[in-house]
Amino acid sequence: MSDKIVKIFDTTLRDGEQSPGASMNMEEKIQIALQLEKLGVDIIEAGFAAASPGDFEAIVNISNTVTNSTICSLARALERDIKAAGEAIKSAKHQRIHTFIATSPIHMQYKLKLTPDEVIKKAVDAVTYAKTFTPDVEFSCEDAGRSEMPFLKEILDAVIQAGATTLNIPDTVGYRMPEEMGAMIRELSEFVQDRAIISVHCHNDLGLAVANSLASIQNGARQVECTVNGLGERAGNAAMEEIVMALKTRKDFFDGLDTNINTQEIIPSSKMVANISGIYPQPNKAIVGKNAFAHESGIHQDGVLKHQETYEIIKPEDIGLHDADTIILGKLSGRHAFAQKITALGFQLIDEEIDKSFERFKRLADKKKEIFDDDLRAIVTDEIVKVKEAYTLLNLQINDCMNGIPSSAISIQHNDEIITDAGIGNGTMDAIFKTIDRISTIEGELVDYRVNAVTEGKDALAKVTVKVIFDNSKPAVTGHGLHVDTMLASARAYISALNSYLATKDILRKKSGEGV
């Protein structure tokens, strides 16, 4: 690897999924992994294999699908975690195990209840065992930002001798200032020299994740851990697109450092992750926010029209944002044009999936005058990247008159049987969800409900995201629904969550029966 290349370690599928409400099913994770590969990500942290059977299966499937990027699984410094990680990635063309243990005094004393010497032994044992599965082993000092420098050097030296090839220094709670983070990485880089690659993983609790990552790169880090759109738990992670474009735009400042990222795939990646996770960047988000290249001021508009660089330091087309698309889709468009457009948006679909999406598109085009790219992305993610449907919504009829009792009548197909029932509720939505519960005989508790307009206008598609706990079985599962009618979208979202719940139960059942 050139010493001018900074590796991009994307953890959207692992740390990003820990963001509340961002849970993804297997098909959705595979689609994102394929897009990350197209984006040019060096390492994809596909999940935490020991966390759940669903995570394990997702990593296995991603390992079987992705060929260019390294596939990585996270593992605590425990033998069972490392074994699960090794088994999950064994079919990947390029493999990595990422193992970690906490190194700050507060974590060692209160969480681990271990002495520093015991922590070092566990770290060395973990790296040694991980090396039996793959030569590419990354070790992380959890809460390195609040760890003591002499101990960091001691444990890093020990794991290097055990075979670790990448050393990650996370600011786990987003505590450090850029100057502090840079000084820490500079001292550790001088200590490690060329024995291993120094990596950083910065959280955004104080809004400094990207600044801390860039300060670390300036001082010797040659891998940065980040997520698309800055997705992640609490205040999120360092935003991949901001780091990449800072390096690209200011090569003069960063002494020619660059990444392997295909920047024209940044916008398609951002939009795919937003559609699947249901978490959209704020409008003024750097690089990928919908207002990032918008100019409302007359002075700005005049300047940009005369010369783009007057108010734009990044060309929109460099990140895949094109003002005028060559393919304009409408109700008279054919399947070939549709398939080309879907491919251009970053999806890789088989013929059967294209047929299903095209049929859905034609139905929408009859109802909606203008079809936007975001409509197409929503159609594909809603129609294709979903679990096998145990229940399918056929018909919905509601009564929501002001002086009457809200009610719904619903027909659902389950296996080869069509079941119709009706119910009442405290409101229209409550009536719909209770009727679905009656038909499925599975009781659900709605814990979150969100509706977003996919595009602008009165005929915009409604994208509904729900989180539901079924049969008191935590954690909650996420469902998505899409339709120009919000009530229909809500019913579809609830059934989507029900199907995801049943699919997860099926995976657990199969796993528990493996040893029988």
Protein backbone atom coordinates (compact mmCIF):
# COMPACT_ATOMS: atom_id res chain seq x y z
CA MET A 1 0.00 0.00 0.00
CA SER A 2 1.24 3.48 -0.86
CA ASP A 3 2.20 5.54 2.19
CA LYS A 4 0.00 8.27 0.72
CA ILE A 5 -3.18 6.17 0.96
CA VAL A 6 -5.43 6.29 4.03
CA LYS A 7 -7.48 3.10 4.35
CA ILE A 8 -11.22 3.53 4.84
CA PHE A 9 -12.65 1.09 7.37
CA ASP A 10 -16.44 1.37 7.08
CA THR A 11 -18.47 0.27 10.09
CA THR A 12 -21.94 1.34 8.89
CA LEU A 13 -23.16 -2.28 9.14
CA ARG A 14 -21.81 -2.74 12.67
CA ASP A 15 -21.42 0.49 14.65
CA GLY A 16 -23.83 2.35 12.38
CA GLU A 17 -26.53 -0.24 12.95
CA GLN A 18 -26.24 0.40 16.70
CA SER A 19 -27.88 3.76 16.09
CA PRO A 20 -31.38 3.61 17.66
CA GLY A 21 -33.90 2.69 14.97
CA ALA A 22 -31.28 1.70 12.37
CA SER A 23 -31.67 -2.08 12.57
CA MET A 24 -31.33 -3.75 9.16
CA ASN A 25 -32.34 -7.19 7.92
CA MET A 26 -30.00 -9.49 6.02
CA GLU A 27 -31.08 -8.51 2.51
CA GLU A 28 -30.67 -4.83 3.35
CA LYS A 29 -27.17 -5.43 4.75
CA ILE A 30 -26.12 -7.28 1.59
CA GLN A 31 -27.33 -4.41 -0.62
CA ILE A 32 -25.38 -1.89 1.48
CA ALA A 33 -22.27 -4.11 1.47
CA LEU A 34 -22.38 -4.31 -2.35
CA GLN A 35 -22.69 -0.53 -2.55
CA LEU A 36 -19.77 -0.06 -0.12
CA GLU A 37 -17.69 -2.30 -2.36
CA LYS A 38 -18.69 -0.18 -5.36
CA LEU A 39 -17.75 2.91 -3.33
CA GLY A 40 -14.24 1.50 -2.93
CA VAL A 41 -14.22 0.92 0.82
CA ASP A 42 -11.06 -0.96 1.86
CA ILE A 43 -12.51 -2.81 4.87
CA ILE A 44 -16.20 -3.48 5.56
CA GLU A 45 -16.97 -4.30 9.20
CA ALA A 46 -19.97 -6.46 8.38
CA GLY A 47 -21.14 -7.04 11.95
CA PHE A 48 -20.51 -8.62 15.34
CA ALA A 49 -20.70 -12.36 14.64
CA ALA A 50 -21.22 -13.40 18.26
CA ALA A 51 -23.95 -10.83 18.90
CA SER A 52 -26.79 -12.84 17.35
CA PRO A 53 -27.52 -15.60 14.81
CA GLY A 54 -28.83 -12.91 12.47
CA ASP A 55 -25.53 -10.98 12.62
CA PHE A 56 -23.56 -14.20 12.03
CA GLU A 57 -25.66 -15.15 8.98
CA ALA A 58 -25.40 -11.63 7.55
CA ILE A 59 -21.58 -11.71 7.78
CA VAL A 60 -21.51 -15.15 6.14
CA ASN A 61 -23.70 -13.94 3.26
CA ILE A 62 -21.68 -10.75 2.80
CA SER A 63 -18.48 -12.83 2.81
CA ASN A 64 -19.95 -14.94 0.01
CA THR A 65 -21.01 -11.89 -2.01
CA VAL A 66 -18.30 -9.22 -1.75
CA THR A 67 -15.00 -9.90 -3.54
CA ASN A 68 -12.92 -6.70 -3.53
CA SER A 69 -13.25 -5.27 -0.01
CA THR A 70 -11.89 -6.98 3.09
CA ILE A 71 -14.71 -8.39 5.23
CA CYS A 72 -14.27 -7.93 8.96
CA SER A 73 -16.12 -9.13 12.04
CA LEU A 74 -15.86 -7.54 15.46
CA ALA A 75 -15.08 -9.78 18.46
CA ARG A 76 -14.50 -9.14 22.13
CA ALA A 77 -11.28 -10.56 23.58
CA LEU A 78 -13.13 -13.81 24.26
CA GLU A 79 -12.46 -17.16 22.62
CA ARG A 80 -16.15 -17.76 21.75
CA ASP A 81 -16.42 -14.33 20.07
CA ILE A 82 -13.24 -14.83 18.05
CA LYS A 83 -14.29 -18.32 16.98
CA ALA A 84 -17.66 -17.01 15.77
CA ALA A 85 -15.91 -14.20 13.87
CA GLY A 86 -13.45 -16.61 12.26
CA GLU A 87 -16.21 -18.96 11.14
CA ALA A 88 -18.38 -16.10 9.82
CA ILE A 89 -15.67 -14.65 7.55
CA LYS A 90 -14.01 -17.88 6.42
CA SER A 91 -15.53 -17.74 2.91
CA ALA A 92 -14.46 -14.11 2.33
CA LYS A 93 -11.78 -13.53 -0.28
CA HIS A 94 -10.11 -11.00 2.05
CA GLN A 95 -10.64 -11.56 5.80
CA ARG A 96 -10.05 -9.64 9.02
CA ILE A 97 -10.89 -10.19 12.69
CA HIS A 98 -11.21 -7.06 14.82
CA THR A 99 -10.82 -7.84 18.53
CA PHE A 100 -10.87 -5.36 21.40
CA ILE A 101 -10.64 -4.83 25.14
CA ALA A 102 -11.00 -1.72 27.29
CA THR A 103 -7.79 -0.01 28.41
CA SER A 104 -8.87 3.09 30.36
CA PRO A 105 -8.59 2.99 34.17
CA ILE A 106 -12.34 3.62 34.57
CA HIS A 107 -13.27 0.74 32.24
CA MET A 108 -10.72 -1.71 33.66
CA GLN A 109 -11.78 -1.00 37.23
CA TYR A 110 -15.55 -0.75 36.94
CA LYS A 111 -16.52 -2.67 33.81
CA LEU A 112 -13.89 -5.40 33.41
CA LYS A 113 -12.83 -5.61 37.07
CA LEU A 114 -9.37 -6.65 35.86
CA THR A 115 -5.84 -5.48 36.65
CA PRO A 116 -3.74 -3.94 33.84
CA ASP A 117 -1.62 -7.10 33.65
CA GLU A 118 -4.74 -9.24 33.28
CA VAL A 119 -6.00 -6.98 30.50
CA ILE A 120 -2.70 -7.31 28.60
CA LYS A 121 -2.82 -11.12 28.91
CA LYS A 122 -6.38 -11.23 27.57
CA ALA A 123 -5.41 -8.97 24.68
CA VAL A 124 -2.40 -11.10 23.73
CA ASP A 125 -4.41 -14.33 24.01
CA ALA A 126 -7.16 -12.84 21.82
CA VAL A 127 -4.77 -11.73 19.06
CA THR A 128 -2.90 -15.05 19.18
CA TYR A 129 -6.13 -17.02 18.81
CA ALA A 130 -7.45 -14.72 16.07
CA LYS A 131 -4.26 -15.33 14.08
CA THR A 132 -5.23 -19.01 13.81
CA PHE A 133 -8.15 -17.91 11.59
CA THR A 134 -6.59 -15.10 9.51
CA PRO A 135 -3.25 -13.29 9.29
CA ASP A 136 -5.09 -9.93 9.21
CA VAL A 137 -5.91 -9.10 12.84
CA GLU A 138 -6.86 -5.68 14.16
CA PHE A 139 -6.68 -4.87 17.86
CA SER A 140 -8.58 -1.99 19.52
CA CYS A 141 -7.98 -0.31 22.85
CA GLU A 142 -11.53 0.54 23.84
CA ASP A 143 -11.75 4.01 25.43
CA ALA A 144 -8.18 4.78 24.35
CA GLY A 145 -9.10 8.46 24.51
CA ARG A 146 -9.18 8.20 28.32
CA SER A 147 -6.36 5.66 28.66
CA GLU A 148 -2.90 6.36 30.08
CA MET A 149 -0.12 6.63 27.50
CA PRO A 150 2.43 4.34 29.25
CA PHE A 151 -0.18 1.56 29.46
CA LEU A 152 -1.26 2.08 25.84
CA LYS A 153 2.34 1.65 24.70
CA GLU A 154 2.75 -1.46 26.84
CA ILE A 155 -0.37 -3.22 25.55
CA LEU A 156 0.23 -2.19 21.91
CA ASP A 157 3.78 -3.52 22.04
CA ALA A 158 2.47 -6.82 23.44
CA VAL A 159 -0.22 -7.30 20.76
CA ILE A 160 2.21 -6.38 17.96
CA GLN A 161 4.47 -9.19 19.17
CA ALA A 162 1.40 -11.48 19.21
CA GLY A 163 0.75 -10.65 15.54
CA ALA A 164 -1.65 -7.70 15.36
CA THR A 165 -1.26 -5.87 12.04
CA THR A 166 -3.57 -2.88 12.70
CA LEU A 167 -3.82 -0.99 15.99
CA ASN A 168 -7.00 0.99 16.53
CA ILE A 169 -7.09 3.95 18.90
CA PRO A 170 -10.78 4.78 19.52
CA ASP A 171 -12.06 7.93 21.14
CA THR A 172 -14.98 5.81 22.33
CA VAL A 173 -16.92 8.52 24.12
CA GLY A 174 -15.94 11.46 21.90
CA TYR A 175 -13.92 13.07 24.69
CA ARG A 176 -10.75 14.31 22.99
CA MET A 177 -10.06 17.64 21.32
CA PRO A 178 -8.38 17.57 17.87
CA GLU A 179 -5.05 18.88 19.22
CA GLU A 180 -5.07 16.23 21.96
CA MET A 181 -6.01 13.45 19.54
CA GLY A 182 -3.30 14.50 17.11
CA ALA A 183 -0.65 14.57 19.84
CA MET A 184 -1.68 11.11 21.05
CA ILE A 185 -1.49 9.59 17.57
CA ARG A 186 1.83 11.30 16.86
CA GLU A 187 3.39 9.83 20.01
CA LEU A 188 1.97 6.35 19.31
CA SER A 189 3.04 6.48 15.64
CA GLU A 190 6.60 7.28 16.68
CA PHE A 191 6.48 4.41 19.16
CA VAL A 192 4.99 1.84 16.77
CA GLN A 193 6.87 3.09 13.67
CA ASP A 194 6.35 0.66 10.78
CA ARG A 195 5.47 -2.40 12.89
CA ALA A 196 1.71 -1.94 12.36
CA ILE A 197 -0.86 0.46 10.89
CA ILE A 198 -2.32 3.00 13.30
CA SER A 199 -6.10 3.41 13.01
CA VAL A 200 -8.57 5.76 14.69
CA HIS A 201 -12.28 5.41 15.49
CA CYS A 202 -13.75 8.72 16.68
CA HIS A 203 -17.22 9.29 18.09
CA ASN A 204 -19.12 12.53 17.69
CA ASP A 205 -20.37 13.31 21.21
CA LEU A 206 -18.85 16.80 21.06
CA GLY A 207 -19.26 17.17 17.30
CA LEU A 208 -15.53 16.59 16.74
CA ALA A 209 -15.38 13.08 15.22
CA VAL A 210 -14.31 14.24 11.75
CA ALA A 211 -11.93 16.89 13.14
CA ASN A 212 -10.31 14.33 15.44
CA SER A 213 -10.00 11.82 12.59
CA LEU A 214 -8.32 14.38 10.32
CA ALA A 215 -5.97 15.49 13.13
CA SER A 216 -5.04 11.83 13.60
CA ILE A 217 -4.36 11.38 9.88
CA GLN A 218 -2.09 14.45 9.97
CA ASN A 219 -0.10 12.79 12.73
CA GLY A 220 0.39 9.31 11.32
CA ALA A 221 -2.90 7.37 11.30
CA ARG A 222 -3.25 5.50 8.01
CA GLN A 223 -6.63 3.91 8.63
CA VAL A 224 -9.78 5.72 9.69
CA GLU A 225 -12.97 4.04 10.93
CA CYS A 226 -16.14 5.80 9.90
CA THR A 227 -19.71 5.37 8.65
CA VAL A 228 -21.84 6.61 5.77
CA ASN A 229 -23.75 9.74 6.87
CA GLY A 230 -21.97 9.57 10.24
CA LEU A 231 -24.51 6.93 11.34
CA GLY A 232 -23.90 5.45 14.79
CA GLU A 233 -24.95 5.18 18.39
CA ARG A 234 -25.43 8.31 20.52
CA ALA A 235 -24.24 11.30 18.44
CA GLY A 236 -22.83 9.04 15.74
CA ASN A 237 -19.43 8.30 14.21
CA ALA A 238 -17.04 10.18 11.99
CA ALA A 239 -18.77 10.74 8.62
CA MET A 240 -16.94 8.88 5.86
CA GLU A 241 -17.92 11.34 3.14
CA GLU A 242 -16.59 14.34 5.07
CA ILE A 243 -13.21 12.72 5.75
CA VAL A 244 -12.80 11.54 2.16
CA MET A 245 -13.74 14.87 0.61
CA ALA A 246 -11.58 16.85 3.09
CA LEU A 247 -8.55 14.81 1.99
CA LYS A 248 -9.47 15.12 -1.69
CA THR A 249 -10.27 18.83 -1.59
CA ARG A 250 -7.28 19.82 0.58
CA LYS A 251 -4.50 17.58 -0.71
CA ASP A 252 -2.23 20.60 -0.37
CA PHE A 253 -2.84 20.72 3.39
CA PHE A 254 -2.64 16.93 3.90
CA ASP A 255 0.61 16.55 1.94
CA GLY A 256 -0.97 14.58 -0.91
CA LEU A 257 -2.77 11.98 1.23
CA ASP A 258 -5.77 10.34 -0.45
CA THR A 259 -8.12 7.34 -0.25
CA ASN A 260 -9.22 4.56 -2.60
CA ILE A 261 -12.82 5.83 -2.51
CA ASN A 262 -14.70 6.34 -5.79
CA THR A 263 -16.19 9.66 -4.77
CA GLN A 264 -18.90 9.56 -7.46
CA GLU A 265 -20.54 6.79 -5.42
CA ILE A 266 -20.84 8.96 -2.29
CA ILE A 267 -24.34 10.28 -3.00
CA PRO A 268 -25.76 6.87 -4.08
CA SER A 269 -24.26 5.32 -0.92
CA SER A 270 -25.65 8.06 1.32
CA LYS A 271 -29.13 7.78 -0.12
CA MET A 272 -29.18 3.97 0.04
CA VAL A 273 -28.14 3.95 3.71
CA ALA A 274 -30.70 6.66 4.53
CA ASN A 275 -33.52 4.81 2.76
CA ILE A 276 -32.73 1.48 4.40
CA SER A 277 -31.99 2.76 7.90
CA GLY A 278 -34.82 5.31 7.90
CA ILE A 279 -32.37 7.89 9.30
CA TYR A 280 -31.85 10.81 6.92
CA PRO A 281 -29.06 13.41 7.10
CA GLN A 282 -30.15 16.87 8.19
CA PRO A 283 -30.61 19.21 5.20
CA ASN A 284 -27.47 21.22 5.98
CA LYS A 285 -25.29 18.12 6.51
CA ALA A 286 -21.89 18.60 4.86
CA ILE A 287 -21.37 16.86 1.51
CA VAL A 288 -24.60 14.79 1.41
CA GLY A 289 -27.30 17.04 2.90
CA LYS A 290 -29.95 18.07 0.38
CA ASN A 291 -28.97 21.73 0.89
CA ALA A 292 -25.21 21.11 0.68
CA PHE A 293 -25.11 22.52 -2.87
CA ALA A 294 -28.24 24.68 -2.72
CA HIS A 295 -27.90 28.42 -3.31
CA GLU A 296 -30.85 30.63 -2.33
CA SER A 297 -29.03 33.93 -1.95
CA GLY A 298 -29.18 36.02 -5.12
CA ILE A 299 -25.52 36.98 -4.71
CA HIS A 300 -24.51 33.31 -4.41
CA GLN A 301 -26.66 32.28 -7.36
CA ASP A 302 -25.15 35.00 -9.54
CA GLY A 303 -21.62 34.03 -8.52
CA VAL A 304 -22.09 30.30 -9.14
CA LEU A 305 -23.69 30.91 -12.52
CA LYS A 306 -20.71 33.06 -13.55
CA HIS A 307 -18.06 30.72 -12.14
CA GLN A 308 -18.81 27.59 -10.10
CA GLU A 309 -15.83 27.91 -7.76
CA THR A 310 -16.99 31.28 -6.42
CA TYR A 311 -19.15 29.49 -3.84
CA GLU A 312 -18.49 25.77 -4.39
CA ILE A 313 -15.21 24.17 -3.31
CA ILE A 314 -16.48 20.72 -4.42
CA LYS A 315 -18.03 19.94 -7.78
CA PRO A 316 -21.41 18.26 -7.17
CA GLU A 317 -20.73 15.77 -9.96
CA ASP A 318 -17.54 14.62 -8.16
CA ILE A 319 -19.68 13.03 -5.45
CA GLY A 320 -22.31 11.65 -7.84
CA LEU A 321 -24.75 14.54 -7.65
CA HIS A 322 -25.90 15.39 -11.18
CA ASP A 323 -28.26 18.29 -11.85
CA ALA A 324 -29.63 16.80 -15.05
CA ASP A 325 -30.02 13.04 -15.48
CA THR A 326 -29.85 11.61 -18.99
CA ILE A 327 -32.69 9.16 -18.29
CA ILE A 328 -36.02 10.71 -17.26
CA LEU A 329 -38.48 8.05 -16.19
CA GLY A 330 -42.26 8.23 -16.53
CA LYS A 331 -45.23 6.00 -17.19
CA LEU A 332 -44.19 5.47 -20.82
CA SER A 333 -40.67 4.33 -19.91
CA GLY A 334 -39.66 0.76 -20.75
CA ARG A 335 -38.04 -1.94 -18.64
CA HIS A 336 -34.60 -1.43 -20.23
CA ALA A 337 -34.45 2.25 -19.33
CA PHE A 338 -35.71 1.42 -15.84
CA ALA A 339 -33.05 -1.28 -15.36
CA GLN A 340 -30.30 1.12 -16.51
CA LYS A 341 -31.49 3.77 -14.09
CA ILE A 342 -31.63 1.36 -11.14
CA THR A 343 -28.08 0.20 -11.89
CA ALA A 344 -26.93 3.82 -12.09
CA LEU A 345 -28.43 4.39 -8.62
CA GLY A 346 -26.16 1.68 -7.21
CA PHE A 347 -28.45 -1.38 -6.97
CA GLN A 348 -27.40 -4.79 -8.27
CA LEU A 349 -30.56 -6.77 -8.96
CA ILE A 350 -31.34 -10.06 -10.68
CA ASP A 351 -33.96 -10.17 -13.46
CA GLU A 352 -36.77 -11.29 -11.15
CA GLU A 353 -36.07 -8.41 -8.74
CA ILE A 354 -35.98 -5.90 -11.62
CA ASP A 355 -39.35 -7.23 -12.84
CA LYS A 356 -40.93 -6.78 -9.39
CA SER A 357 -39.53 -3.27 -9.00
CA PHE A 358 -40.55 -2.30 -12.56
CA GLU A 359 -44.12 -3.44 -11.94
CA ARG A 360 -44.22 -1.36 -8.76
CA PHE A 361 -42.74 1.63 -10.64
CA LYS A 362 -45.41 1.45 -13.37
CA ARG A 363 -48.18 1.43 -10.76
CA LEU A 364 -46.63 4.50 -9.10
CA ALA A 365 -46.17 6.29 -12.45
CA ASP A 366 -49.93 6.02 -13.06
CA LYS A 367 -50.57 7.89 -9.79
CA LYS A 368 -47.64 10.30 -9.67
CA LYS A 369 -46.86 12.89 -12.33
CA GLU A 370 -43.11 13.16 -11.68
CA ILE A 371 -40.86 10.28 -10.62
CA PHE A 372 -37.70 11.29 -8.72
CA ASP A 373 -34.55 9.28 -8.06
CA ASP A 374 -35.52 9.07 -4.40
CA ASP A 375 -38.85 7.50 -5.43
CA LEU A 376 -36.94 4.81 -7.30
CA ARG A 377 -34.58 4.18 -4.40
CA ALA A 378 -37.54 3.87 -2.05
CA ILE A 379 -39.34 1.44 -4.38
CA VAL A 380 -36.32 -0.85 -4.66
CA THR A 381 -35.46 -0.87 -0.96
CA ASP A 382 -39.11 -1.45 -0.03
CA GLU A 383 -39.87 -4.10 -2.67
CA ILE A 384 -36.61 -6.03 -2.92
CA VAL A 385 -34.51 -5.83 0.24
CA LYS A 386 -37.05 -7.40 2.55
CA VAL A 387 -37.37 -10.74 4.25
CA LYS A 388 -39.49 -13.58 2.93
CA GLU A 389 -43.10 -12.58 3.47
CA ALA A 390 -45.07 -14.83 5.78
CA TYR A 391 -47.92 -12.30 5.61
CA THR A 392 -48.85 -10.16 2.58
CA LEU A 393 -51.32 -7.26 2.65
CA LEU A 394 -54.02 -7.63 -0.02
CA ASN A 395 -56.71 -5.08 0.88
CA LEU A 396 -57.28 -2.34 3.44
CA GLN A 397 -60.47 -0.43 4.11
CA ILE A 398 -60.74 2.14 6.89
CA ASN A 399 -63.47 4.20 8.54
CA ASP A 400 -62.22 7.35 10.25
CA CYS A 401 -65.28 9.60 10.36
CA MET A 402 -65.21 12.39 12.95
CA ASN A 403 -68.19 11.17 15.00
CA GLY A 404 -67.81 7.43 14.43
CA ILE A 405 -65.54 4.73 15.84
CA PRO A 406 -62.27 4.30 13.90
CA SER A 407 -62.22 0.86 12.29
CA SER A 408 -60.41 -1.13 9.65
CA ALA A 409 -61.15 -4.15 7.49
CA ILE A 410 -58.09 -5.99 6.22
CA SER A 411 -57.39 -8.95 3.94
CA ILE A 412 -54.02 -10.67 4.35
CA GLN A 413 -52.55 -13.69 2.59
CA HIS A 414 -50.78 -16.18 4.83
CA ASN A 415 -49.28 -19.16 2.98
CA ASP A 416 -52.08 -20.12 0.58
CA GLU A 417 -54.90 -18.79 2.78
CA ILE A 418 -56.58 -15.40 2.49
CA ILE A 419 -57.73 -14.14 5.90
CA THR A 420 -60.11 -11.20 6.29
CA ASP A 421 -60.99 -9.56 9.60
CA ALA A 422 -62.01 -6.20 11.01
CA GLY A 423 -61.29 -4.32 14.21
CA ILE A 424 -61.72 -1.01 16.01
CA GLY A 425 -59.22 1.15 17.83
CA ASN A 426 -58.53 4.47 19.53
CA GLY A 427 -57.58 5.87 16.15
CA THR A 428 -57.26 4.74 12.56
CA MET A 429 -53.67 3.57 12.98
CA ASP A 430 -54.51 1.72 16.19
CA ALA A 431 -57.42 -0.01 14.43
CA ILE A 432 -55.17 -1.11 11.55
CA PHE A 433 -52.46 -2.52 13.80
CA LYS A 434 -54.95 -4.28 16.10
CA THR A 435 -56.65 -5.91 13.10
CA ILE A 436 -53.31 -7.20 11.85
CA ASP A 437 -52.65 -8.60 15.34
CA ARG A 438 -56.03 -10.39 15.25
CA ILE A 439 -55.31 -11.95 11.87
CA SER A 440 -51.76 -13.07 12.74
CA THR A 441 -52.65 -13.99 16.37
CA ILE A 442 -49.35 -12.34 17.32
CA GLU A 443 -49.64 -9.38 19.66
CA GLY A 444 -47.49 -6.35 18.84
CA GLU A 445 -46.58 -3.27 20.87
CA LEU A 446 -45.75 -0.20 18.76
CA VAL A 447 -42.77 1.61 20.30
CA ASP A 448 -41.88 4.00 17.47
CA TYR A 449 -43.67 5.38 14.42
CA ARG A 450 -42.23 7.76 11.84
CA VAL A 451 -43.46 8.98 8.47
CA ASN A 452 -41.39 10.88 5.90
CA ALA A 453 -42.22 12.21 2.46
CA VAL A 454 -39.76 10.62 0.03
CA THR A 455 -39.92 13.62 -2.33
CA GLU A 456 -41.80 16.92 -2.58
CA GLY A 457 -45.36 17.59 -3.69
CA LYS A 458 -48.88 16.53 -2.77
CA ASP A 459 -48.39 13.20 -4.54
CA ALA A 460 -45.15 12.35 -2.70
CA LEU A 461 -44.60 8.78 -1.57
CA ALA A 462 -45.01 8.29 2.17
CA LYS A 463 -42.24 6.19 3.76
CA VAL A 464 -43.35 4.83 7.13
CA THR A 465 -40.90 3.28 9.61
CA VAL A 466 -42.15 1.45 12.69
CA LYS A 467 -40.50 -0.33 15.60
CA VAL A 468 -42.61 -3.07 17.18
CA ILE A 469 -42.16 -5.56 20.02
CA PHE A 470 -44.04 -8.80 19.24
CA ASP A 471 -45.11 -11.27 21.93
CA ASN A 472 -43.11 -9.28 24.51
CA SER A 473 -39.96 -10.52 22.77
CA LYS A 474 -37.30 -7.80 22.90
CA PRO A 475 -35.55 -6.12 21.16
CA ALA A 476 -38.03 -4.34 18.91
CA VAL A 477 -37.93 -5.10 15.19
CA THR A 478 -38.08 -2.48 12.45
CA GLY A 479 -40.50 -2.44 9.51
CA HIS A 480 -40.77 -0.20 6.45
CA GLY A 481 -43.76 0.65 4.29
CA LEU A 482 -44.10 2.73 1.16
CA HIS A 483 -47.17 4.11 -0.62
CA VAL A 484 -48.73 7.39 -1.73
CA ASP A 485 -51.43 6.62 0.87
CA THR A 486 -50.00 6.98 4.38
CA MET A 487 -52.48 4.50 5.89
CA LEU A 488 -51.49 1.81 3.38
CA ALA A 489 -47.81 2.59 3.97
CA SER A 490 -48.41 2.22 7.73
CA ALA A 491 -50.10 -1.16 7.32
CA ARG A 492 -47.27 -2.36 5.09
CA ALA A 493 -44.67 -1.16 7.61
CA TYR A 494 -46.35 -3.04 10.46
CA ILE A 495 -46.58 -6.24 8.40
CA SER A 496 -42.94 -5.76 7.34
CA ALA A 497 -41.95 -5.68 11.03
CA LEU A 498 -44.07 -8.79 11.67
CA ASN A 499 -42.34 -10.64 8.81
CA SER A 500 -38.90 -9.59 10.10
CA TYR A 501 -39.81 -10.85 13.57
CA LEU A 502 -40.91 -14.21 12.20
CA ALA A 503 -37.77 -14.49 10.03
CA THR A 504 -35.58 -13.80 13.07
CA LYS A 505 -37.44 -16.46 15.06
CA ASP A 506 -36.88 -18.89 12.21
CA ILE A 507 -33.11 -18.23 12.23
CA LEU A 508 -32.99 -18.75 16.00
CA ARG A 509 -35.00 -21.97 15.70
CA LYS A 510 -32.66 -23.35 13.04
CA LYS A 511 -29.60 -22.38 15.06
CA SER A 512 -30.89 -24.03 18.22
CA GLY A 513 -31.57 -27.23 16.29
CA GLU A 514 -28.11 -27.50 14.75
CA GLY A 515 -26.63 -29.39 17.67
CA VAL A 516 -29.62 -31.69 18.16
